[in-house]
Amino acid sequence: MTLIVGLGNPGKEYSHTRHNIGFMVIDELLQRISHTDVTKSSFEGLCFKSNAAIFLKPLTYMNLSGKSISKVKNFYKLNRVIVIHDDLDLPFGALRFKFGGGHGGHNGLRSTDEALTKEYIRVRMGIGRPENKGEVASFVLSSFSQDEEACLAEWIKTSADAIQKMIAGDWEKVASVHSIKKSMCLK
């Protein structure tokens, strides 16, 4: 069984921000797959179980995501973890896959690395980068632009398609077919 984690922040004020793209993909997957709610207060997150996977939206805020992830991973004794997250180093609409590696300054990945080690699959969803380096915090917590909004649903569906195939098969094979190097959205 696989643990699929979408990184994000709890709360309505964050629900439709770049930093919450992981939560959005989990929501899309949960609409598609028959599942049951297995949330426990000790998980510090919203947790759902299907026949093939456990889905988690940590409610610890991004910087402490690893706490929730490790609790669910250990409770279910899972070996395979896939983390869906926003990535400033990729253009908006890009989709890449990676096993291990550095956190690149992403506090959700930093927390996950500290809790699990770096031995997990990353689904990197490009959100682009602000022009001014000092605006990163406000950028990741901001809403999508009108142009980005126009293709957001399609991009989330494409990402969910890839993750469903990863649950059932070899992630490297899926990654080679489903990676999107340039934005699928902005022409």
Protein backbone atom coordinates (compact mmCIF):
# COMPACT_ATOMS: atom_id res chain seq x y z
CA MET A 1 0.00 0.00 0.00
CA THR A 2 1.18 3.53 -0.80
CA LEU A 3 0.87 6.72 1.23
CA ILE A 4 -0.05 9.66 -1.02
CA VAL A 5 0.51 13.02 0.66
CA GLY A 6 -0.54 16.41 -0.64
CA LEU A 7 1.31 19.28 1.00
CA GLY A 8 -0.57 22.45 1.88
CA ASN A 9 -1.86 24.61 4.68
CA PRO A 10 -5.19 24.17 6.46
CA GLY A 11 -7.73 26.97 6.46
CA LYS A 12 -9.99 28.65 3.97
CA GLU A 13 -7.58 31.56 3.48
CA TYR A 14 -4.99 29.16 2.01
CA SER A 15 -7.30 26.80 0.13
CA HIS A 16 -6.70 28.17 -3.36
CA THR A 17 -3.06 29.27 -3.15
CA ARG A 18 0.02 28.02 -4.97
CA HIS A 19 1.34 26.39 -1.77
CA ASN A 20 -1.82 24.24 -1.59
CA ILE A 21 -1.52 22.54 -4.98
CA GLY A 22 -0.82 19.24 -3.17
CA PHE A 23 -4.13 19.47 -1.30
CA MET A 24 -5.91 20.22 -4.60
CA VAL A 25 -4.53 17.07 -6.24
CA ILE A 26 -5.53 14.95 -3.21
CA ASP A 27 -9.06 16.40 -3.48
CA GLU A 28 -9.18 15.42 -7.17
CA LEU A 29 -8.01 11.88 -6.38
CA LEU A 30 -10.58 11.51 -3.61
CA GLN A 31 -13.35 12.49 -6.04
CA ARG A 32 -12.29 9.64 -8.34
CA ILE A 33 -11.55 6.82 -5.92
CA SER A 34 -13.86 4.98 -3.55
CA HIS A 35 -12.47 5.60 -0.06
CA THR A 36 -13.28 5.81 3.62
CA ASP A 37 -12.31 8.50 6.12
CA VAL A 38 -9.78 7.11 8.60
CA THR A 39 -8.82 10.41 10.20
CA LYS A 40 -7.66 10.16 13.81
CA SER A 41 -6.73 13.16 15.94
CA SER A 42 -3.28 11.64 16.49
CA PHE A 43 -2.59 11.82 12.73
CA GLU A 44 -2.73 15.64 12.76
CA GLY A 45 -4.20 15.50 9.27
CA LEU A 46 -7.13 14.41 7.13
CA CYS A 47 -6.60 10.78 6.20
CA PHE A 48 -8.52 8.57 3.76
CA LYS A 49 -8.08 4.93 2.76
CA SER A 50 -8.83 3.16 -0.52
CA ASN A 51 -8.03 -0.41 -1.55
CA ALA A 52 -4.59 0.58 -2.88
CA ALA A 53 -3.55 3.74 -1.04
CA ILE A 54 -3.80 5.99 1.99
CA PHE A 55 -4.32 9.69 1.19
CA LEU A 56 -3.19 12.40 3.60
CA LYS A 57 -3.60 16.16 3.88
CA PRO A 58 -1.47 17.20 6.88
CA LEU A 59 -3.12 19.85 9.06
CA THR A 60 0.10 20.84 10.82
CA TYR A 61 0.81 23.72 8.42
CA MET A 62 3.47 23.31 5.78
CA ASN A 63 6.51 23.74 8.05
CA LEU A 64 5.56 20.75 10.23
CA SER A 65 4.15 18.39 7.58
CA GLY A 66 6.63 15.66 8.44
CA LYS A 67 5.03 15.14 11.87
CA SER A 68 1.71 14.12 10.34
CA ILE A 69 3.28 12.12 7.51
CA SER A 70 5.45 10.04 9.85
CA LYS A 71 2.50 9.33 12.18
CA VAL A 72 0.37 7.94 9.34
CA LYS A 73 3.29 6.09 7.73
CA ASN A 74 4.20 4.41 11.03
CA PHE A 75 0.59 3.63 12.03
CA TYR A 76 -0.07 1.80 8.74
CA LYS A 77 3.52 0.46 8.47
CA LEU A 78 3.91 1.82 4.94
CA ASN A 79 7.14 1.69 2.96
CA ARG A 80 6.16 3.67 -0.12
CA VAL A 81 5.43 7.40 0.18
CA ILE A 82 4.57 9.85 -2.60
CA VAL A 83 4.54 13.57 -1.72
CA ILE A 84 2.82 16.10 -4.00
CA HIS A 85 4.16 19.65 -3.61
CA ASP A 86 4.56 23.05 -5.22
CA ASP A 87 7.97 23.77 -6.77
CA LEU A 88 9.36 27.27 -7.36
CA ASP A 89 12.16 25.91 -9.57
CA LEU A 90 9.77 24.73 -12.30
CA PRO A 91 7.63 26.93 -14.55
CA PHE A 92 3.92 27.08 -13.80
CA GLY A 93 2.18 24.00 -15.19
CA ALA A 94 5.28 21.78 -15.28
CA LEU A 95 5.05 18.32 -13.72
CA ARG A 96 8.14 16.37 -12.72
CA PHE A 97 8.87 13.31 -10.61
CA LYS A 98 11.88 12.60 -8.44
CA PHE A 99 13.04 10.12 -5.83
CA GLY A 100 14.95 11.68 -2.94
CA GLY A 101 17.07 14.80 -3.33
CA GLY A 102 17.29 18.07 -1.47
CA HIS A 103 14.43 20.18 -0.18
CA GLY A 104 15.45 23.29 -2.17
CA GLY A 105 14.31 25.57 0.65
CA HIS A 106 10.78 24.12 0.69
CA ASN A 107 9.84 23.93 4.37
CA GLY A 108 7.28 21.16 3.85
CA LEU A 109 9.94 18.98 2.22
CA ARG A 110 12.49 19.94 4.87
CA SER A 111 10.08 18.75 7.58
CA THR A 112 9.32 15.57 5.63
CA ASP A 113 13.03 14.86 5.12
CA GLU A 114 13.65 15.26 8.86
CA ALA A 115 10.77 12.91 9.72
CA LEU A 116 11.24 10.23 7.02
CA THR A 117 14.68 10.71 5.49
CA LYS A 118 14.76 11.58 1.79
CA GLU A 119 13.60 8.15 0.66
CA TYR A 120 10.26 9.07 -0.93
CA ILE A 121 8.88 9.94 -4.34
CA ARG A 122 8.20 13.60 -5.06
CA VAL A 123 5.58 14.87 -7.47
CA ARG A 124 6.90 18.33 -8.29
CA MET A 125 4.28 20.77 -9.54
CA GLY A 126 5.84 23.91 -10.96
CA ILE A 127 4.42 27.21 -9.75
CA GLY A 128 7.10 29.48 -11.19
CA ARG A 129 9.06 32.04 -9.24
CA PRO A 130 8.34 35.67 -8.37
CA GLU A 131 10.53 38.30 -10.04
CA ASN A 132 11.83 39.54 -6.69
CA LYS A 133 13.50 36.87 -4.53
CA GLY A 134 12.24 38.63 -1.38
CA GLU A 135 8.62 37.96 -2.41
CA VAL A 136 8.74 34.15 -2.24
CA ALA A 137 6.67 33.83 0.96
CA SER A 138 3.88 36.07 -0.30
CA PHE A 139 4.05 34.47 -3.77
CA VAL A 140 3.51 30.88 -2.59
CA LEU A 141 0.62 32.03 -0.38
CA SER A 142 -1.03 34.03 -3.17
CA SER A 143 -3.86 32.97 -5.47
CA PHE A 144 -3.30 31.90 -9.05
CA SER A 145 -3.33 34.51 -11.82
CA GLN A 146 -6.22 34.64 -14.27
CA ASP A 147 -4.08 32.95 -16.95
CA GLU A 148 -3.03 30.20 -14.52
CA GLU A 149 -6.61 29.75 -13.34
CA ALA A 150 -7.67 29.04 -16.96
CA CYS A 151 -5.83 25.72 -17.00
CA LEU A 152 -5.51 24.84 -13.32
CA ALA A 153 -8.26 22.18 -13.36
CA GLU A 154 -6.74 20.44 -16.40
CA TRP A 155 -3.27 20.46 -14.82
CA ILE A 156 -4.60 19.01 -11.56
CA LYS A 157 -6.46 16.28 -13.48
CA THR A 158 -3.34 15.42 -15.48
CA SER A 159 -1.33 15.18 -12.25
CA ALA A 160 -3.98 12.99 -10.61
CA ASP A 161 -3.98 10.70 -13.69
CA ALA A 162 -0.23 10.18 -13.28
CA ILE A 163 -0.50 9.52 -9.55
CA GLN A 164 -3.25 6.93 -10.07
CA LYS A 165 -0.95 5.11 -12.48
CA MET A 166 1.93 5.38 -9.99
CA ILE A 167 -0.18 3.70 -7.31
CA ALA A 168 -0.72 0.74 -9.64
CA GLY A 169 2.73 0.50 -11.19
CA ASP A 170 6.35 1.51 -11.61
CA TRP A 171 6.73 5.20 -10.76
CA GLU A 172 9.76 5.65 -13.05
CA LYS A 173 7.83 4.37 -16.06
CA VAL A 174 4.90 6.65 -15.22
CA ALA A 175 7.29 9.58 -14.73
CA SER A 176 8.86 9.06 -18.14
CA VAL A 177 5.45 9.25 -19.81
CA HIS A 178 3.76 11.94 -17.70
CA SER A 179 6.52 14.48 -17.05
CA ILE A 180 5.74 17.94 -18.39
CA LYS A 181 8.94 19.97 -18.68
CA LYS A 182 7.41 23.21 -19.90
CA SER A 183 4.15 24.70 -18.83
CA MET A 184 1.13 22.86 -20.19
CA CYS A 185 -0.89 25.94 -19.41
CA LEU A 186 0.70 29.16 -20.56
CA LYS A 187 1.38 29.45 -24.25
